[in-house]
C-alpha atoms as a PDB file:
ATOM      1  CA  UNK A   1      35.604-179.868 238.134  1.00  0.00           C
ATOM      2  CA  UNK A   2      37.919-182.800 236.090  1.00  0.00           C
ATOM      3  CA  UNK A   3      38.172-186.465 236.977  1.00  0.00           C
ATOM      4  CA  UNK A   4      39.094-189.709 235.876  1.00  0.00           C
ATOM      5  CA  UNK A   5      35.974-191.852 236.406  1.00  0.00           C
ATOM      6  CA  UNK A   6      35.820-195.403 236.224  1.00  0.00           C
ATOM      7  CA  UNK A   7      32.689-196.064 234.279  1.00  0.00           C
ATOM      8  CA  UNK A   8      32.643-200.010 234.916  1.00  0.00           C
ATOM      9  CA  UNK A   9      34.330-203.112 235.716  1.00  0.00           C
ATOM     10  CA  UNK A  10      36.569-205.099 233.114  1.00  0.00           C
ATOM     11  CA  UNK A  11      39.824-206.149 232.141  1.00  0.00           C
ATOM     12  CA  UNK A  12      42.242-203.817 230.551  1.00  0.00           C
ATOM     13  CA  UNK A  13      41.528-201.450 228.461  1.00  0.00           C
ATOM     14  CA  UNK A  14      39.552-199.772 231.121  1.00  0.00           C
ATOM     15  CA  UNK A  15      36.561-198.276 230.421  1.00  0.00           C
ATOM     16  CA  UNK A  16      37.772-194.633 232.128  1.00  0.00           C
ATOM     17  CA  UNK A  17      37.295-191.522 230.799  1.00  0.00           C
ATOM     18  CA  UNK A  18      37.925-187.506 232.631  1.00  0.00           C
ATOM     19  CA  UNK A  19      34.965-185.918 232.722  1.00  0.00           C
ATOM     20  CA  UNK A  20      33.418-183.146 234.166  1.00  0.00           C
ATOM     21  CA  UNK A  21      31.856-184.243 238.044  1.00  0.00           C
ATOM     22  CA  UNK A  22      30.771-182.171 240.485  1.00  0.00           C
ATOM     23  CA  UNK A  23      32.533-180.281 243.356  1.00  0.00           C
ATOM     24  CA  UNK A  24      32.523-183.115 245.908  1.00  0.00           C
ATOM     25  CA  UNK A  25      30.295-182.704 248.939  1.00  0.00           C
ATOM     26  CA  UNK A  26      32.893-181.085 252.403  1.00  0.00           C
ATOM     27  CA  UNK A  27      31.175-182.951 255.791  1.00  0.00           C
ATOM     28  CA  UNK A  28      32.184-181.288 258.983  1.00  0.00           C
ATOM     29  CA  UNK A  29      35.199-183.524 259.220  1.00  0.00           C
ATOM     30  CA  UNK A  30      35.895-183.335 256.178  1.00  0.00           C
ATOM     31  CA  UNK A  31      38.984-181.600 254.239  1.00  0.00           C
ATOM     32  CA  UNK A  32      38.836-180.189 250.574  1.00  0.00           C
ATOM     33  CA  UNK A  33      41.985-180.974 249.066  1.00  0.00           C
ATOM     34  CA  UNK A  34      43.298-179.202 245.252  1.00  0.00           C
ATOM     35  CA  UNK A  35      45.223-182.495 244.087  1.00  0.00           C
ATOM     36  CA  UNK A  36      48.448-181.401 243.186  1.00  0.00           C
ATOM     37  CA  UNK A  37      49.699-185.060 242.620  1.00  0.00           C
ATOM     38  CA  UNK A  38      48.189-188.378 242.988  1.00  0.00           C
ATOM     39  CA  UNK A  39      50.471-191.863 242.672  1.00  0.00           C
ATOM     40  CA  UNK A  40      48.952-194.807 240.546  1.00  0.00           C
ATOM     41  CA  UNK A  41      49.590-198.058 242.076  1.00  0.00           C
ATOM     42  CA  UNK A  42      48.357-201.606 241.602  1.00  0.00           C
ATOM     43  CA  UNK A  43      45.546-201.134 243.570  1.00  0.00           C
ATOM     44  CA  UNK A  44      43.928-199.108 240.928  1.00  0.00           C
ATOM     45  CA  UNK A  45      44.001-201.445 238.008  1.00  0.00           C
ATOM     46  CA  UNK A  46      42.538-204.257 240.266  1.00  0.00           C
ATOM     47  CA  UNK A  47      40.432-201.891 241.769  1.00  0.00           C
ATOM     48  CA  UNK A  48      39.303-201.851 238.024  1.00  0.00           C
ATOM     49  CA  UNK A  49      39.211-205.702 237.675  1.00  0.00           C
ATOM     50  CA  UNK A  50      37.061-206.127 240.548  1.00  0.00           C
ATOM     51  CA  UNK A  51      39.214-207.856 242.573  1.00  0.00           C
ATOM     52  CA  UNK A  52      38.893-206.260 245.758  1.00  0.00           C
ATOM     53  CA  UNK A  53      35.407-206.597 245.594  1.00  0.00           C
ATOM     54  CA  UNK A  54      35.097-209.434 248.581  1.00  0.00           C
ATOM     55  CA  UNK A  55      37.186-206.685 250.759  1.00  0.00           C
ATOM     56  CA  UNK A  56      35.706-203.552 249.340  1.00  0.00           C
ATOM     57  CA  UNK A  57      32.430-203.317 247.215  1.00  0.00           C
ATOM     58  CA  UNK A  58      33.227-200.254 244.924  1.00  0.00           C
ATOM     59  CA  UNK A  59      30.261-199.413 242.105  1.00  0.00           C
ATOM     60  CA  UNK A  60      30.474-197.787 239.244  1.00  0.00           C
ATOM     61  CA  UNK A  61      31.089-194.804 238.056  1.00  0.00           C
ATOM     62  CA  UNK A  62      33.375-194.359 240.405  1.00  0.00           C
ATOM     63  CA  UNK A  63      36.502-191.538 240.428  1.00  0.00           C
ATOM     64  CA  UNK A  64      39.557-193.445 241.168  1.00  0.00           C
ATOM     65  CA  UNK A  65      42.943-193.138 243.495  1.00  0.00           C
ATOM     66  CA  UNK A  66      44.132-193.915 246.402  1.00  0.00           C
ATOM     67  CA  UNK A  67      47.162-191.799 247.233  1.00  0.00           C
ATOM     68  CA  UNK A  68      47.354-187.766 246.891  1.00  0.00           C
ATOM     69  CA  UNK A  69      49.314-184.922 247.450  1.00  0.00           C
ATOM     70  CA  UNK A  70      48.118-181.518 247.672  1.00  0.00           C
ATOM     71  CA  UNK A  71      46.392-178.202 249.270  1.00  0.00           C
ATOM     72  CA  UNK A  72      44.174-177.396 251.855  1.00  0.00           C
ATOM     73  CA  UNK A  73      41.106-175.259 250.348  1.00  0.00           C
ATOM     74  CA  UNK A  74      38.602-175.509 252.733  1.00  0.00           C
ATOM     75  CA  UNK A  75      37.714-177.480 255.872  1.00  0.00           C
ATOM     76  CA  UNK A  76      34.216-178.704 257.971  1.00  0.00           C
ATOM     77  CA  UNK A  77      32.921-176.950 261.107  1.00  0.00           C
ATOM     78  CA  UNK A  78      34.543-179.760 263.497  1.00  0.00           C
ATOM     79  CA  UNK A  79      37.858-179.937 261.360  1.00  0.00           C
ATOM     80  CA  UNK A  80      41.087-179.251 264.031  1.00  0.00           C
ATOM     81  CA  UNK A  81      44.154-180.996 262.251  1.00  0.00           C
ATOM     82  CA  UNK A  82      44.588-179.136 259.622  1.00  0.00           C
ATOM     83  CA  UNK A  83      44.181-175.508 258.485  1.00  0.00           C
ATOM     84  CA  UNK A  84      43.789-173.276 254.894  1.00  0.00           C
ATOM     85  CA  UNK A  85      47.095-173.622 253.021  1.00  0.00           C
ATOM     86  CA  UNK A  86      48.689-176.611 254.351  1.00  0.00           C
ATOM     87  CA  UNK A  87      50.360-179.315 252.360  1.00  0.00           C
ATOM     88  CA  UNK A  88      49.006-181.927 253.074  1.00  0.00           C
ATOM     89  CA  UNK A  89      49.271-186.038 251.987  1.00  0.00           C
ATOM     90  CA  UNK A  90      46.931-189.160 252.129  1.00  0.00           C
ATOM     91  CA  UNK A  91      46.075-192.920 251.382  1.00  0.00           C
ATOM     92  CA  UNK A  92      42.414-191.984 251.030  1.00  0.00           C
ATOM     93  CA  UNK A  93      39.643-194.044 253.274  1.00  0.00           C
ATOM     94  CA  UNK A  94      38.752-197.333 252.012  1.00  0.00           C
ATOM     95  CA  UNK A  95      35.212-195.805 251.647  1.00  0.00           C
ATOM     96  CA  UNK A  96      35.562-192.681 250.007  1.00  0.00           C
ATOM     97  CA  UNK A  97      38.459-192.985 246.966  1.00  0.00           C
ATOM     98  CA  UNK A  98      38.915-190.236 244.559  1.00  0.00           C
ATOM     99  CA  UNK A  99      42.378-188.880 244.132  1.00  0.00           C
ATOM    100  CA  UNK A 100      42.523-188.644 240.335  1.00  0.00           C
ATOM    101  CA  UNK A 101      40.739-185.528 240.118  1.00  0.00           C
ATOM    102  CA  UNK A 102      41.286-181.967 240.505  1.00  0.00           C
ATOM    103  CA  UNK A 103      39.731-181.815 244.458  1.00  0.00           C
ATOM    104  CA  UNK A 104      39.384-184.496 246.754  1.00  0.00           C
ATOM    105  CA  UNK A 105      36.877-184.302 250.119  1.00  0.00           C
ATOM    106  CA  UNK A 106      39.193-186.399 252.664  1.00  0.00           C
ATOM    107  CA  UNK A 107      38.297-187.321 256.766  1.00  0.00           C
ATOM    108  CA  UNK A 108      40.865-185.184 258.400  1.00  0.00           C
ATOM    109  CA  UNK A 109      41.891-188.185 260.002  1.00  0.00           C
ATOM    110  CA  UNK A 110      43.343-189.648 256.744  1.00  0.00           C
ATOM    111  CA  UNK A 111      45.569-186.621 256.174  1.00  0.00           C
ATOM    112  CA  UNK A 112      49.329-185.981 257.067  1.00  0.00           C
ATOM    113  CA  UNK A 113      51.570-182.741 256.921  1.00  0.00           C
ATOM    114  CA  UNK A 114      53.744-183.403 253.983  1.00  0.00           C
ATOM    115  CA  UNK A 115      57.485-182.660 255.333  1.00  0.00           C
ATOM    116  CA  UNK A 116      59.528-179.392 253.783  1.00  0.00           C
ATOM    117  CA  UNK A 117      62.059-181.981 252.269  1.00  0.00           C
ATOM    118  CA  UNK A 118      58.920-183.348 249.639  1.00  0.00           C
ATOM    119  CA  UNK A 119      57.089-181.692 246.750  1.00  0.00           C
ATOM    120  CA  UNK A 120      54.166-182.570 246.093  1.00  0.00           C
ATOM    121  CA  UNK A 121      54.917-185.130 243.060  1.00  0.00           C
ATOM    122  CA  UNK A 122      57.572-186.958 245.858  1.00  0.00           C
ATOM    123  CA  UNK A 123      54.686-186.704 248.375  1.00  0.00           C
ATOM    124  CA  UNK A 124      51.992-188.179 246.099  1.00  0.00           C
ATOM    125  CA  UNK A 125      54.306-191.722 245.558  1.00  0.00           C
ATOM    126  CA  UNK A 126      54.570-192.205 249.995  1.00  0.00           C
ATOM    127  CA  UNK A 127      51.388-192.283 251.090  1.00  0.00           C
ATOM    128  CA  UNK A 128      50.475-196.531 250.162  1.00  0.00           C
ATOM    129  CA  UNK A 129      53.778-197.758 250.795  1.00  0.00           C
ATOM    130  CA  UNK A 130      54.749-195.880 253.686  1.00  0.00           C
ATOM    131  CA  UNK A 131      51.134-197.067 255.559  1.00  0.00           C
ATOM    132  CA  UNK A 132      51.461-200.437 254.121  1.00  0.00           C
ATOM    133  CA  UNK A 133      55.182-200.611 255.551  1.00  0.00           C
ATOM    134  CA  UNK A 134      53.917-199.062 258.904  1.00  0.00           C
ATOM    135  CA  UNK A 135      50.981-201.315 259.576  1.00  0.00           C
ATOM    136  CA  UNK A 136      52.735-204.645 257.828  1.00  0.00           C
ATOM    137  CA  UNK A 137      55.546-203.593 260.916  1.00  0.00           C
ATOM    138  CA  UNK A 138      52.685-203.566 263.145  1.00  0.00           C
ATOM    139  CA  UNK A 139      51.682-206.738 262.958  1.00  0.00           C
ATOM    140  CA  UNK A 140      55.467-208.236 263.263  1.00  0.00           C
ATOM    141  CA  UNK A 141      54.457-209.723 266.871  1.00  0.00           C
ATOM    142  CA  UNK A 142      56.778-209.373 269.647  1.00  0.00           C
ATOM    143  CA  UNK A 143      59.178-207.843 267.251  1.00  0.00           C
ATOM    144  CA  UNK A 144      62.504-206.222 268.452  1.00  0.00           C
ATOM    145  CA  UNK A 145      65.991-204.818 268.528  1.00  0.00           C
ATOM    146  CA  UNK A 146      68.425-207.111 266.137  1.00  0.00           C
ATOM    147  CA  UNK A 147      65.488-209.071 264.845  1.00  0.00           C
ATOM    148  CA  UNK A 148      65.648-210.054 261.719  1.00  0.00           C
ATOM    149  CA  UNK A 149      63.240-209.651 259.074  1.00  0.00           C
ATOM    150  CA  UNK A 150      63.085-210.602 255.416  1.00  0.00           C
ATOM    151  CA  UNK A 151      61.432-207.873 253.156  1.00  0.00           C
ATOM    152  CA  UNK A 152      60.653-209.993 249.416  1.00  0.00           C
ATOM    153  CA  UNK A 153      60.632-207.566 246.490  1.00  0.00           C
ATOM    154  CA  UNK A 154      62.668-205.135 248.468  1.00  0.00           C
ATOM    155  CA  UNK A 155      63.829-203.252 245.921  1.00  0.00           C
ATOM    156  CA  UNK A 156      60.548-201.723 244.612  1.00  0.00           C
ATOM    157  CA  UNK A 157      58.714-199.109 246.153  1.00  0.00           C
ATOM    158  CA  UNK A 158      57.571-201.013 248.792  1.00  0.00           C
ATOM    159  CA  UNK A 159      61.364-201.703 249.926  1.00  0.00           C
ATOM    160  CA  UNK A 160      62.108-198.054 249.586  1.00  0.00           C
ATOM    161  CA  UNK A 161      59.913-197.332 252.263  1.00  0.00           C
ATOM    162  CA  UNK A 162      59.928-200.747 254.424  1.00  0.00           C
ATOM    163  CA  UNK A 163      63.341-200.985 254.785  1.00  0.00           C
ATOM    164  CA  UNK A 164      63.924-197.703 256.441  1.00  0.00           C
ATOM    165  CA  UNK A 165      61.336-197.496 258.294  1.00  0.00           C
ATOM    166  CA  UNK A 166      62.149-201.364 259.506  1.00  0.00           C
ATOM    167  CA  UNK A 167      65.686-200.084 259.953  1.00  0.00           C
ATOM    168  CA  UNK A 168      64.626-197.542 262.277  1.00  0.00           C
ATOM    169  CA  UNK A 169      63.022-200.292 264.527  1.00  0.00           C
ATOM    170  CA  UNK A 170      65.963-201.805 265.094  1.00  0.00           C
ATOM    171  CA  UNK A 171      65.437-204.594 262.759  1.00  0.00           C
ATOM    172  CA  UNK A 172      68.121-206.228 260.896  1.00  0.00           C
ATOM    173  CA  UNK A 173      66.553-205.941 257.307  1.00  0.00           C
ATOM    174  CA  UNK A 174      67.663-208.995 254.534  1.00  0.00           C
ATOM    175  CA  UNK A 175      66.214-208.198 251.080  1.00  0.00           C
ATOM    176  CA  UNK A 176      66.480-209.224 247.762  1.00  0.00           C
ATOM    177  CA  UNK A 177      67.118-208.579 243.921  1.00  0.00           C
ATOM    178  CA  UNK A 178      69.165-207.447 241.451  1.00  0.00           C
ATOM    179  CA  UNK A 179      72.465-206.792 241.827  1.00  0.00           C
ATOM    180  CA  UNK A 180      72.320-202.910 240.290  1.00  0.00           C
ATOM    181  CA  UNK A 181      69.859-202.208 243.212  1.00  0.00           C
ATOM    182  CA  UNK A 182      72.112-203.561 245.797  1.00  0.00           C
ATOM    183  CA  UNK A 183      74.163-200.436 247.010  1.00  0.00           C
ATOM    184  CA  UNK A 184      70.564-198.366 246.720  1.00  0.00           C
ATOM    185  CA  UNK A 185      69.126-200.296 249.123  1.00  0.00           C
ATOM    186  CA  UNK A 186      71.888-200.403 251.312  1.00  0.00           C
ATOM    187  CA  UNK A 187      71.731-197.096 251.822  1.00  0.00           C
ATOM    188  CA  UNK A 188      68.304-197.250 252.701  1.00  0.00           C
ATOM    189  CA  UNK A 189      69.215-199.433 255.465  1.00  0.00           C
ATOM    190  CA  UNK A 190      69.690-202.613 254.164  1.00  0.00           C
ATOM    191  CA  UNK A 191      71.846-204.990 255.870  1.00  0.00           C
ATOM    192  CA  UNK A 192      72.035-208.169 254.015  1.00  0.00           C
ATOM    193  CA  UNK A 193      71.416-207.958 250.345  1.00  0.00           C
ATOM    194  CA  UNK A 194      70.947-211.670 248.075  1.00  0.00           C
ATOM    195  CA  UNK A 195      71.492-211.195 244.770  1.00  0.00           C
ATOM    196  CA  UNK A 196      68.786-213.835 242.978  1.00  0.00           C
ATOM    197  CA  UNK A 197      70.657-214.304 239.757  1.00  0.00           C
ATOM    198  CA  UNK A 198      72.716-216.412 241.441  1.00  0.00           C
ATOM    199  CA  UNK A 199      71.545-217.094 244.873  1.00  0.00           C
ATOM    200  CA  UNK A 200      68.216-218.301 246.452  1.00  0.00           C
ATOM    201  CA  UNK A 201      67.316-217.143 249.047  1.00  0.00           C
ATOM    202  CA  UNK A 202      65.418-220.106 250.169  1.00  0.00           C
ATOM    203  CA  UNK A 203      68.605-222.002 249.970  1.00  0.00           C
ATOM    204  CA  UNK A 204      70.605-219.434 252.289  1.00  0.00           C
ATOM    205  CA  UNK A 205      68.329-217.581 254.660  1.00  0.00           C
ATOM    206  CA  UNK A 206      67.389-219.718 257.709  1.00  0.00           C
ATOM    207  CA  UNK A 207      65.906-219.148 260.862  1.00  0.00           C
ATOM    208  CA  UNK A 208      64.736-215.515 260.106  1.00  0.00           C
ATOM    209  CA  UNK A 209      62.301-213.927 262.763  1.00  0.00           C
ATOM    210  CA  UNK A 210      59.866-212.232 260.469  1.00  0.00           C
ATOM    211  CA  UNK A 211      58.870-211.855 256.856  1.00  0.00           C
ATOM    212  CA  UNK A 212      57.114-209.179 254.975  1.00  0.00           C
ATOM    213  CA  UNK A 213      55.926-210.705 251.632  1.00  0.00           C
ATOM    214  CA  UNK A 214      55.213-209.069 248.349  1.00  0.00           C
ATOM    215  CA  UNK A 215      54.976-211.507 246.186  1.00  0.00           C
ATOM    216  CA  UNK A 216      52.228-214.243 247.259  1.00  0.00           C
ATOM    217  CA  UNK A 217      51.394-217.465 246.037  1.00  0.00           C
ATOM    218  CA  UNK A 218      54.535-219.718 246.026  1.00  0.00           C
ATOM    219  CA  UNK A 219      56.879-217.829 246.918  1.00  0.00           C
ATOM    220  CA  UNK A 220      54.784-217.435 250.083  1.00  0.00           C
ATOM    221  CA  UNK A 221      54.728-220.569 251.134  1.00  0.00           C
ATOM    222  CA  UNK A 222      58.770-220.874 250.241  1.00  0.00           C
ATOM    223  CA  UNK A 223      59.230-217.560 252.745  1.00  0.00           C
ATOM    224  CA  UNK A 224      57.450-219.742 255.577  1.00  0.00           C
ATOM    225  CA  UNK A 225      60.518-222.441 255.051  1.00  0.00           C
ATOM    226  CA  UNK A 226      63.150-219.411 255.618  1.00  0.00           C
ATOM    227  CA  UNK A 227      60.966-218.397 258.936  1.00  0.00           C
ATOM    228  CA  UNK A 228      61.691-219.407 262.667  1.00  0.00           C
ATOM    229  CA  UNK A 229      59.190-221.248 264.615  1.00  0.00           C
ATOM    230  CA  UNK A 230      57.419-218.781 266.722  1.00  0.00           C
ATOM    231  CA  UNK A 231      57.932-216.313 263.682  1.00  0.00           C
ATOM    232  CA  UNK A 232      55.659-214.069 261.901  1.00  0.00           C
ATOM    233  CA  UNK A 233      55.014-214.213 258.017  1.00  0.00           C
ATOM    234  CA  UNK A 234      53.198-210.192 257.176  1.00  0.00           C
ATOM    235  CA  UNK A 235      51.893-211.301 253.473  1.00  0.00           C
ATOM    236  CA  UNK A 236      50.275-208.418 251.257  1.00  0.00           C
ATOM    237  CA  UNK A 237      49.025-210.585 247.867  1.00  0.00           C
ATOM    238  CA  UNK A 238      48.509-214.072 249.873  1.00  0.00           C
ATOM    239  CA  UNK A 239      44.952-213.022 251.100  1.00  0.00           C
ATOM    240  CA  UNK A 240      42.593-212.727 253.602  1.00  0.00           C
ATOM    241  CA  UNK A 241      42.018-214.677 256.225  1.00  0.00           C
ATOM    242  CA  UNK A 242      39.793-215.045 259.552  1.00  0.00           C
ATOM    243  CA  UNK A 243      42.776-212.892 261.337  1.00  0.00           C
ATOM    244  CA  UNK A 244      42.346-210.071 259.698  1.00  0.00           C
ATOM    245  CA  UNK A 245      38.546-210.005 259.069  1.00  0.00           C
ATOM    246  CA  UNK A 246      38.294-209.503 262.711  1.00  0.00           C
ATOM    247  CA  UNK A 247      41.246-207.174 262.536  1.00  0.00           C
ATOM    248  CA  UNK A 248      39.415-205.348 259.853  1.00  0.00           C
ATOM    249  CA  UNK A 249      35.790-205.258 261.441  1.00  0.00           C
ATOM    250  CA  UNK A 250      34.109-207.118 259.267  1.00  0.00           C
ATOM    251  CA  UNK A 251      30.393-208.180 259.857  1.00  0.00           C
ATOM    252  CA  UNK A 252      30.146-212.178 260.280  1.00  0.00           C
ATOM    253  CA  UNK A 253      29.638-213.708 257.130  1.00  0.00           C
ATOM    254  CA  UNK A 254      32.704-211.954 255.290  1.00  0.00           C
ATOM    255  CA  UNK A 255      34.615-213.180 258.835  1.00  0.00           C
ATOM    256  CA  UNK A 256      33.435-216.878 258.249  1.00  0.00           C
ATOM    257  CA  UNK A 257      34.092-216.121 254.570  1.00  0.00           C
ATOM    258  CA  UNK A 258      37.721-215.186 254.688  1.00  0.00           C
ATOM    259  CA  UNK A 259      38.582-217.850 257.545  1.00  0.00           C
ATOM    260  CA  UNK A 260      37.576-220.632 254.770  1.00  0.00           C
ATOM    261  CA  UNK A 261      39.645-218.618 252.148  1.00  0.00           C
ATOM    262  CA  UNK A 262      42.197-218.166 254.324  1.00  0.00           C
ATOM    263  CA  UNK A 263      42.617-221.365 255.910  1.00  0.00           C
ATOM    264  CA  UNK A 264      45.700-222.976 254.312  1.00  0.00           C
ATOM    265  CA  UNK A 265      47.641-219.987 254.119  1.00  0.00           C
ATOM    266  CA  UNK A 266      46.895-220.270 258.437  1.00  0.00           C
ATOM    267  CA  UNK A 267      47.434-224.166 258.375  1.00  0.00           C
ATOM    268  CA  UNK A 268      50.909-223.820 256.479  1.00  0.00           C
ATOM    269  CA  UNK A 269      52.092-221.022 259.210  1.00  0.00           C
ATOM    270  CA  UNK A 270      50.899-223.551 262.384  1.00  0.00           C
ATOM    271  CA  UNK A 271      52.587-226.549 260.982  1.00  0.00           C
ATOM    272  CA  UNK A 272      55.724-224.784 261.211  1.00  0.00           C
ATOM    273  CA  UNK A 273      54.539-222.890 264.435  1.00  0.00           C
ATOM    274  CA  UNK A 274      54.452-219.963 263.002  1.00  0.00           C
ATOM    275  CA  UNK A 275      51.655-217.117 262.289  1.00  0.00           C
ATOM    276  CA  UNK A 276      50.186-215.947 259.249  1.00  0.00           C
ATOM    277  CA  UNK A 277      48.649-212.595 258.592  1.00  0.00           C
ATOM    278  CA  UNK A 278      47.323-210.024 256.060  1.00  0.00           C
ATOM    279  CA  UNK A 279      47.784-206.885 255.700  1.00  0.00           C
ATOM    280  CA  UNK A 280      44.907-204.389 253.032  1.00  0.00           C
ATOM    281  CA  UNK A 281      46.556-200.717 253.688  1.00  0.00           C
ATOM    282  CA  UNK A 282      43.871-198.758 255.555  1.00  0.00           C
ATOM    283  CA  UNK A 283      43.898-194.494 255.904  1.00  0.00           C
ATOM    284  CA  UNK A 284      45.192-193.307 259.151  1.00  0.00           C
ATOM    285  CA  UNK A 285      46.861-189.734 259.066  1.00  0.00           C
ATOM    286  CA  UNK A 286      48.644-189.991 262.137  1.00  0.00           C
ATOM    287  CA  UNK A 287      50.527-192.829 261.181  1.00  0.00           C
ATOM    288  CA  UNK A 288      51.736-191.996 258.191  1.00  0.00           C
ATOM    289  CA  UNK A 289      53.012-188.572 259.815  1.00  0.00           C
ATOM    290  CA  UNK A 290      54.781-190.841 261.666  1.00  0.00           C
ATOM    291  CA  UNK A 291      56.259-192.925 258.675  1.00  0.00           C
ATOM    292  CA  UNK A 292      56.716-189.498 256.457  1.00  0.00           C
ATOM    293  CA  UNK A 293      58.685-188.085 259.165  1.00  0.00           C
ATOM    294  CA  UNK A 294      61.531-190.645 259.750  1.00  0.00           C
ATOM    295  CA  UNK A 295      61.560-191.179 256.215  1.00  0.00           C
ATOM    296  CA  UNK A 296      61.931-187.373 255.454  1.00  0.00           C
ATOM    297  CA  UNK A 297      64.790-187.386 258.892  1.00  0.00           C
ATOM    298  CA  UNK A 298      66.975-189.582 256.758  1.00  0.00           C
ATOM    299  CA  UNK A 299      66.955-188.424 253.894  1.00  0.00           C
ATOM    300  CA  UNK A 300      64.906-190.881 252.005  1.00  0.00           C
ATOM    301  CA  UNK A 301      64.101-190.406 248.253  1.00  0.00           C
ATOM    302  CA  UNK A 302      60.576-190.801 246.713  1.00  0.00           C
ATOM    303  CA  UNK A 303      60.647-192.636 244.031  1.00  0.00           C
ATOM    304  CA  UNK A 304      59.048-190.386 241.300  1.00  0.00           C
ATOM    305  CA  UNK A 305      58.553-191.772 238.131  1.00  0.00           C
ATOM    306  CA  UNK A 306      56.755-190.600 234.833  1.00  0.00           C
ATOM    307  CA  UNK A 307      54.632-188.081 235.661  1.00  0.00           C
ATOM    308  CA  UNK A 308      51.519-187.605 233.740  1.00  0.00           C
ATOM    309  CA  UNK A 309      48.610-184.973 233.375  1.00  0.00           C
ATOM    310  CA  UNK A 310      45.272-186.584 234.321  1.00  0.00           C
ATOM    311  CA  UNK A 311      44.127-186.716 230.632  1.00  0.00           C
ATOM    312  CA  UNK A 312      46.489-189.242 230.055  1.00  0.00           C
ATOM    313  CA  UNK A 313      45.151-191.746 232.699  1.00  0.00           C
ATOM    314  CA  UNK A 314      44.769-194.457 231.001  1.00  0.00           C
ATOM    315  CA  UNK A 315      48.367-194.423 229.608  1.00  0.00           C
ATOM    316  CA  UNK A 316      48.528-194.468 233.153  1.00  0.00           C
ATOM    317  CA  UNK A 317      47.363-197.192 234.114  1.00  0.00           C
ATOM    318  CA  UNK A 318      48.447-199.615 231.178  1.00  0.00           C
ATOM    319  CA  UNK A 319      52.290-198.033 232.275  1.00  0.00           C
ATOM    320  CA  UNK A 320      51.146-199.785 235.802  1.00  0.00           C
ATOM    321  CA  UNK A 321      50.181-203.097 234.223  1.00  0.00           C
ATOM    322  CA  UNK A 322      52.818-203.647 231.916  1.00  0.00           C
ATOM    323  CA  UNK A 323      55.104-202.771 235.164  1.00  0.00           C
ATOM    324  CA  UNK A 324      59.244-202.056 234.294  1.00  0.00           C
ATOM    325  CA  UNK A 325      58.738-198.394 235.540  1.00  0.00           C
ATOM    326  CA  UNK A 326      61.720-197.073 237.396  1.00  0.00           C
ATOM    327  CA  UNK A 327      59.888-194.612 240.331  1.00  0.00           C
ATOM    328  CA  UNK A 328      56.069-194.696 240.788  1.00  0.00           C
ATOM    329  CA  UNK A 329      53.507-193.314 238.232  1.00  0.00           C
ATOM    330  CA  UNK A 330      52.021-189.647 239.084  1.00  0.00           C
ATOM    331  CA  UNK A 331      49.515-187.835 237.602  1.00  0.00           C
ATOM    332  CA  UNK A 332      49.078-184.369 238.040  1.00  0.00           C
ATOM    333  CA  UNK A 333      45.051-182.603 237.646  1.00  0.00           C
END
């Protein structure tokens, strides 16, 4: 089969080439998926630059790609959750990525059925952001109907899933961005929108119950300042801490390392009587199924951007790094 293979880690332009490789082995609990579309994400270029090595130690040569949509071609002897011919989607397991290929072997527990409302290219853009949103929302300890949550970067691909999924839980969603996106994010379920060109969210927001941070760095610290005592900030970019290491099941060495690395964020939150949490999205087919069902039921459109053939994987990765694309870039093997 053809696959996009990262030959070595390094900076852009990335050492990735489309090559003929052996078809994947299918274990007893694995599903062979004929990949029809694969989403291209910043995570893919982060992996290429070896920026997530402490979280997952990927070795080269590596078939790239973290999320896919396709059809079940064959199933292992112990597979019970899907059937041959079924349309499926997934965020691939952390230790077994490889979506940029004609075929992928995926643990059955990572897969979710594609709702009828979405085609392959649409479904290929949903898994990573929908699961990120669900896993971040699950970390908002004590969140209930009517509570407020500020979602930074809510006009991007994360907001397209996080806003409706948060609203479905009864949360009052606040986000910020360019005013040209206001009506779109309000249709997704945002209760309040802040135009960053005319207002600074840090000046106008106070005592927010929860925050989902997609920016990290100094912006994460500023977001702690808008949150009430007792609130929880969940960050996608702030970096792992000891609590994350325990939750993810890392061994003693990485627990100690992440406890040290995340101490600054933990202290900054603790000084305000708040909690800091970090999320690095992992595969979960049942959770993805719930998210996709909610999104399809609310007629939430998938954010499909430029669609390119697998042979143009280098261009796709360069476009991700450049930013500015409307919607998520999709590769079609």
